[in-house]
């Protein structure tokens, strides 16, 4: 028995209807399932929800919640944090929870937002044109934005906090053991600790073969454990078949570090549940 609060349907860039996920979740004996399509943004993208679909999304989830008994259904959004433009605060009042993520860091010279988790070619363009190929400044700004989100518009869940490392395959730009990098991560963890937010342990990079480890990396998870910061496993599923992709393997990593519980929405409240490699223990 598992739970997952990070899923994407065809309301954004995911594949399949909401009910496709519900049916698959029933097959997998899921305890709680949260929908978290990419929230609308006030500019054009190919992967966020269109603003005129938001109310239908909310209504559809409410209808599913009312008609589903085997699984607890929750409505959420993965909301971008872009200073002065959008943040989790804009949507939290109509949702059960929010995932707050940083996908955009500054703007390219033509005024478009620079997506740090897009193609590698796009990443190289922004690295050069915005940050003059200074990777330290780039990463530091990404993590600074994450901390700004935490302190000004804290979501329920911090989304894939070190996802920018997907562009660092083979240590091309930096080493995670670099002092400056670890210092930036530790400052971010301190902000999370003060906020009370949950950190997702996101498996998508592994099963997409874009990262050898979860977001965040194992050494970061060790610090989260030392700080007693709550975590939840999520797959960032864009297809129903990925709802629990890499969950057993990730649970084993967390148990080895020392984590005793996963934080899950149950009965409308975030609660800590014991777990093992086979799932949540009730």
Protein backbone atom coordinates (compact mmCIF):
# COMPACT_ATOMS: atom_id res chain seq x y z
CA UNK A 1 0.00 0.00 0.00
CA UNK A 2 1.43 3.36 -1.09
CA UNK A 3 0.34 6.98 -1.54
CA UNK A 4 1.34 9.49 -4.19
CA UNK A 5 0.54 13.20 -4.36
CA UNK A 6 2.48 14.19 -7.49
CA UNK A 7 0.64 13.20 -10.67
CA UNK A 8 0.01 14.88 -14.02
CA UNK A 9 -2.98 14.10 -16.23
CA UNK A 10 -4.08 15.46 -19.59
CA UNK A 11 -5.17 18.66 -17.88
CA UNK A 12 -1.50 19.60 -18.35
CA UNK A 13 1.35 17.60 -19.90
CA UNK A 14 0.39 14.22 -18.46
CA UNK A 15 -1.06 11.34 -20.41
CA UNK A 16 -4.53 10.06 -19.65
CA UNK A 17 -7.72 11.08 -17.89
CA UNK A 18 -8.02 11.53 -14.13
CA UNK A 19 -10.06 8.33 -13.90
CA UNK A 20 -7.28 6.40 -15.64
CA UNK A 21 -5.10 7.19 -12.65
CA UNK A 22 -7.83 6.29 -10.19
CA UNK A 23 -8.40 2.91 -11.79
CA UNK A 24 -4.68 2.13 -11.83
CA UNK A 25 -4.41 3.31 -8.22
CA UNK A 26 -7.16 0.84 -7.26
CA UNK A 27 -5.23 -1.96 -8.97
CA UNK A 28 -2.14 -0.98 -6.95
CA UNK A 29 -4.02 -0.76 -3.63
CA UNK A 30 -3.09 2.91 -3.26
CA UNK A 31 -4.12 4.47 0.05
CA UNK A 32 -4.26 8.15 -1.00
CA UNK A 33 -3.94 9.66 -4.47
CA UNK A 34 -3.39 13.34 -5.12
CA UNK A 35 -3.81 15.10 -8.45
CA UNK A 36 -1.28 17.87 -9.03
CA UNK A 37 -1.42 19.18 -12.57
CA UNK A 38 0.89 22.06 -13.43
CA UNK A 39 -0.96 25.21 -12.40
CA UNK A 40 -1.78 27.85 -15.01
CA UNK A 41 0.76 30.59 -15.62
CA UNK A 42 0.05 33.95 -17.29
CA UNK A 43 2.10 33.20 -20.38
CA UNK A 44 2.22 30.49 -23.01
CA UNK A 45 3.80 27.11 -22.28
CA UNK A 46 3.23 23.63 -23.71
CA UNK A 47 3.11 21.92 -20.32
CA UNK A 48 0.98 23.93 -17.88
CA UNK A 49 -2.79 23.82 -17.51
CA UNK A 50 -4.74 26.39 -19.47
CA UNK A 51 -6.40 28.88 -17.12
CA UNK A 52 -9.86 28.24 -18.55
CA UNK A 53 -9.61 24.55 -17.55
CA UNK A 54 -8.88 25.13 -13.87
CA UNK A 55 -12.46 25.15 -12.62
CA UNK A 56 -13.31 22.04 -14.61
CA UNK A 57 -10.23 20.35 -13.12
CA UNK A 58 -11.35 21.21 -9.59
CA UNK A 59 -14.95 20.16 -10.26
CA UNK A 60 -13.86 16.87 -11.83
CA UNK A 61 -11.70 15.96 -8.83
CA UNK A 62 -14.50 16.81 -6.43
CA UNK A 63 -16.85 14.56 -8.41
CA UNK A 64 -14.33 11.72 -8.27
CA UNK A 65 -13.82 12.24 -4.54
CA UNK A 66 -17.56 11.98 -3.95
CA UNK A 67 -17.90 8.75 -5.93
CA UNK A 68 -14.73 6.92 -4.85
CA UNK A 69 -14.63 4.92 -1.64
CA UNK A 70 -11.63 2.59 -2.02
CA UNK A 71 -9.05 5.39 -2.26
CA UNK A 72 -8.78 8.81 -0.69
CA UNK A 73 -8.66 11.41 -3.47
CA UNK A 74 -7.10 14.85 -2.99
CA UNK A 75 -6.96 17.91 -5.22
CA UNK A 76 -3.71 19.76 -5.62
CA UNK A 77 -1.59 21.63 -8.11
CA UNK A 78 2.11 21.83 -8.78
CA UNK A 79 2.53 25.59 -8.69
CA UNK A 80 5.49 27.47 -10.07
CA UNK A 81 7.16 30.11 -8.00
CA UNK A 82 8.01 33.13 -10.14
CA UNK A 83 8.45 36.32 -8.10
CA UNK A 84 5.77 38.89 -8.87
CA UNK A 85 4.02 36.51 -11.29
CA UNK A 86 2.79 33.34 -9.59
CA UNK A 87 3.19 31.36 -6.40
CA UNK A 88 1.47 28.63 -4.35
CA UNK A 89 -0.41 31.35 -2.45
CA UNK A 90 -2.54 32.07 -5.52
CA UNK A 91 -4.18 28.64 -5.48
CA UNK A 92 -3.98 27.25 -1.97
CA UNK A 93 -7.47 28.31 -0.86
CA UNK A 94 -9.22 26.07 -3.42
CA UNK A 95 -7.00 23.01 -2.95
CA UNK A 96 -6.26 20.29 -0.43
CA UNK A 97 -2.52 20.85 -0.86
CA UNK A 98 0.08 22.48 -3.07
CA UNK A 99 3.42 21.38 -4.45
CA UNK A 100 5.73 24.35 -4.90
CA UNK A 101 8.41 24.09 -7.57
CA UNK A 102 10.94 26.27 -9.33
CA UNK A 103 11.09 25.60 -13.07
CA UNK A 104 11.89 29.12 -14.29
CA UNK A 105 15.03 31.05 -13.36
CA UNK A 106 15.13 34.59 -14.76
CA UNK A 107 14.43 35.41 -18.41
CA UNK A 108 16.23 34.98 -21.70
CA UNK A 109 17.07 38.14 -23.69
CA UNK A 110 13.86 37.77 -25.74
CA UNK A 111 11.82 37.98 -22.51
CA UNK A 112 10.78 34.33 -22.27
CA UNK A 113 11.23 32.53 -18.99
CA UNK A 114 14.26 30.25 -18.83
CA UNK A 115 13.23 26.69 -18.01
CA UNK A 116 16.00 24.96 -16.09
CA UNK A 117 14.56 21.47 -16.62
CA UNK A 118 13.91 21.74 -20.34
CA UNK A 119 16.25 20.55 -23.06
CA UNK A 120 19.97 20.65 -22.40
CA UNK A 121 20.39 23.03 -25.34
CA UNK A 122 17.97 25.46 -23.68
CA UNK A 123 19.84 25.10 -20.41
CA UNK A 124 23.13 25.96 -22.12
CA UNK A 125 21.51 28.98 -23.76
CA UNK A 126 20.35 30.42 -20.45
CA UNK A 127 23.60 29.55 -18.71
CA UNK A 128 25.46 31.60 -21.29
CA UNK A 129 23.07 34.46 -21.97
CA UNK A 130 21.80 35.07 -18.42
CA UNK A 131 24.66 33.92 -16.19
CA UNK A 132 27.71 34.28 -18.46
CA UNK A 133 28.43 30.55 -18.08
CA UNK A 134 28.84 30.91 -14.31
CA UNK A 135 27.32 27.70 -12.95
CA UNK A 136 27.78 28.75 -9.33
CA UNK A 137 25.69 31.88 -9.85
CA UNK A 138 23.11 29.83 -11.75
CA UNK A 139 22.64 27.17 -9.11
CA UNK A 140 22.75 29.72 -6.30
CA UNK A 141 19.96 31.72 -7.92
CA UNK A 142 17.85 28.59 -8.40
CA UNK A 143 18.17 27.70 -4.73
CA UNK A 144 17.67 31.31 -3.66
CA UNK A 145 14.33 31.29 -5.50
CA UNK A 146 13.42 28.06 -3.73
CA UNK A 147 14.14 29.71 -0.38
CA UNK A 148 12.15 32.80 -1.39
CA UNK A 149 9.19 30.56 -2.15
CA UNK A 150 9.50 28.83 1.21
CA UNK A 151 9.63 32.08 3.16
CA UNK A 152 6.97 34.02 1.24
CA UNK A 153 4.54 31.46 -0.21
CA UNK A 154 5.30 28.15 1.43
CA UNK A 155 3.56 25.17 -0.22
CA UNK A 156 2.51 21.95 1.49
CA UNK A 157 5.25 20.06 -0.36
CA UNK A 158 8.61 21.24 -1.70
CA UNK A 159 8.88 19.87 -5.23
CA UNK A 160 12.05 18.21 -6.57
CA UNK A 161 14.31 20.63 -4.72
CA UNK A 162 17.54 19.85 -6.59
CA UNK A 163 16.09 19.07 -10.02
CA UNK A 164 18.54 21.39 -11.74
CA UNK A 165 21.15 18.66 -11.25
CA UNK A 166 19.56 16.81 -14.19
CA UNK A 167 21.64 19.14 -16.37
CA UNK A 168 24.83 18.11 -14.57
CA UNK A 169 25.18 14.58 -15.96
CA UNK A 170 28.60 13.17 -15.23
CA UNK A 171 29.49 16.18 -13.10
CA UNK A 172 29.82 18.30 -16.23
CA UNK A 173 29.42 21.60 -14.40
CA UNK A 174 29.98 20.99 -10.69
CA UNK A 175 30.55 18.37 -8.04
CA UNK A 176 27.85 17.91 -5.41
CA UNK A 177 30.65 17.70 -2.85
CA UNK A 178 31.71 21.28 -3.67
CA UNK A 179 31.53 23.41 -0.53
CA UNK A 180 29.62 26.25 -2.19
CA UNK A 181 26.95 23.84 -3.46
CA UNK A 182 26.51 22.06 -0.15
CA UNK A 183 26.30 25.41 1.63
CA UNK A 184 23.46 26.53 -0.68
CA UNK A 185 21.62 23.25 -0.12
CA UNK A 186 22.05 23.50 3.65
CA UNK A 187 20.67 27.05 3.66
CA UNK A 188 17.66 25.79 1.75
CA UNK A 189 17.16 22.92 4.19
CA UNK A 190 17.29 25.38 7.08
CA UNK A 191 14.50 27.37 5.44
CA UNK A 192 12.44 24.21 5.00
CA UNK A 193 13.03 23.23 8.61
CA UNK A 194 11.70 26.58 9.80
CA UNK A 195 8.64 26.35 7.56
CA UNK A 196 7.35 22.93 8.52
CA UNK A 197 6.89 21.95 4.87
CA UNK A 198 7.19 18.38 3.59
CA UNK A 199 9.93 17.45 1.14
CA UNK A 200 9.05 15.09 -1.68
CA UNK A 201 11.49 12.35 -2.59
CA UNK A 202 10.84 12.40 -6.31
CA UNK A 203 11.64 9.29 -8.36
CA UNK A 204 11.01 10.64 -11.87
CA UNK A 205 14.64 11.39 -12.67
CA UNK A 206 15.58 7.76 -12.03
CA UNK A 207 12.94 6.05 -14.16
CA UNK A 208 13.41 8.65 -16.92
CA UNK A 209 17.15 7.99 -16.74
CA UNK A 210 17.89 11.69 -16.23
CA UNK A 211 19.40 11.19 -12.78
CA UNK A 212 21.03 8.28 -10.98
CA UNK A 213 19.40 9.36 -7.72
CA UNK A 214 16.12 10.79 -6.51
CA UNK A 215 15.44 14.50 -6.26
CA UNK A 216 16.90 15.25 -3.76
CA UNK A 217 20.15 13.24 -3.65
CA UNK A 218 20.84 10.74 -0.88
CA UNK A 219 23.29 12.98 0.97
CA UNK A 220 20.59 15.65 1.13
CA UNK A 221 18.12 13.09 2.43
CA UNK A 222 20.59 12.31 5.22
CA UNK A 223 20.54 15.95 6.30
CA UNK A 224 16.74 16.03 6.13
CA UNK A 225 16.69 12.99 8.41
CA UNK A 226 19.09 14.64 10.86
CA UNK A 227 16.85 17.73 10.90
CA UNK A 228 13.70 15.61 11.40
CA UNK A 229 12.11 17.11 8.27
CA UNK A 230 9.11 15.10 7.03
CA UNK A 231 9.29 13.43 3.63
CA UNK A 232 6.90 11.75 1.23
CA UNK A 233 7.74 9.61 -1.80
CA UNK A 234 6.31 10.76 -5.11
CA UNK A 235 6.80 9.67 -8.69
CA UNK A 236 5.85 12.88 -10.53
CA UNK A 237 3.82 10.52 -12.72
CA UNK A 238 2.90 11.71 -16.19
CA UNK A 239 1.42 8.30 -17.01
CA UNK A 240 -0.78 6.03 -14.92
CA UNK A 241 1.79 3.23 -15.08
CA UNK A 242 4.32 5.39 -13.21
CA UNK A 243 2.24 5.98 -10.08
CA UNK A 244 4.63 3.97 -7.87
CA UNK A 245 7.61 3.74 -10.21
CA UNK A 246 10.79 3.22 -8.12
CA UNK A 247 8.89 3.40 -4.81
CA UNK A 248 10.24 0.13 -3.32
CA UNK A 249 13.81 1.04 -4.22
CA UNK A 250 13.43 4.55 -2.82
CA UNK A 251 11.82 3.27 0.37
CA UNK A 252 14.83 1.00 0.86
CA UNK A 253 17.17 4.00 0.55
CA UNK A 254 15.14 5.97 3.09
CA UNK A 255 15.08 3.06 5.53
CA UNK A 256 18.84 2.67 5.23
CA UNK A 257 19.29 6.35 6.07
CA UNK A 258 17.09 5.91 9.13
CA UNK A 259 13.68 7.31 8.20
CA UNK A 260 10.92 5.67 10.18
CA UNK A 261 7.88 7.31 8.56
CA UNK A 262 6.43 8.87 5.43
CA UNK A 263 4.07 11.81 5.68
CA UNK A 264 0.75 11.13 3.97
CA UNK A 265 -2.58 12.92 3.56
CA UNK A 266 -5.08 10.70 5.37
CA UNK A 267 -8.51 11.67 6.64
CA UNK A 268 -7.79 15.17 5.39
CA UNK A 269 -4.67 15.63 7.55
CA UNK A 270 -0.96 15.18 6.97
CA UNK A 271 0.05 12.23 9.12
CA UNK A 272 3.22 10.19 9.63
CA UNK A 273 2.95 6.48 8.81
CA UNK A 274 5.57 3.78 9.31
CA UNK A 275 6.70 2.10 6.11
CA UNK A 276 8.95 -0.54 4.67
CA UNK A 277 10.12 -1.50 1.20
CA UNK A 278 6.68 -2.90 0.43
CA UNK A 279 4.72 0.20 1.35
CA UNK A 280 2.96 2.12 4.09
CA UNK A 281 2.10 0.20 7.25
CA UNK A 282 -1.32 0.93 8.76
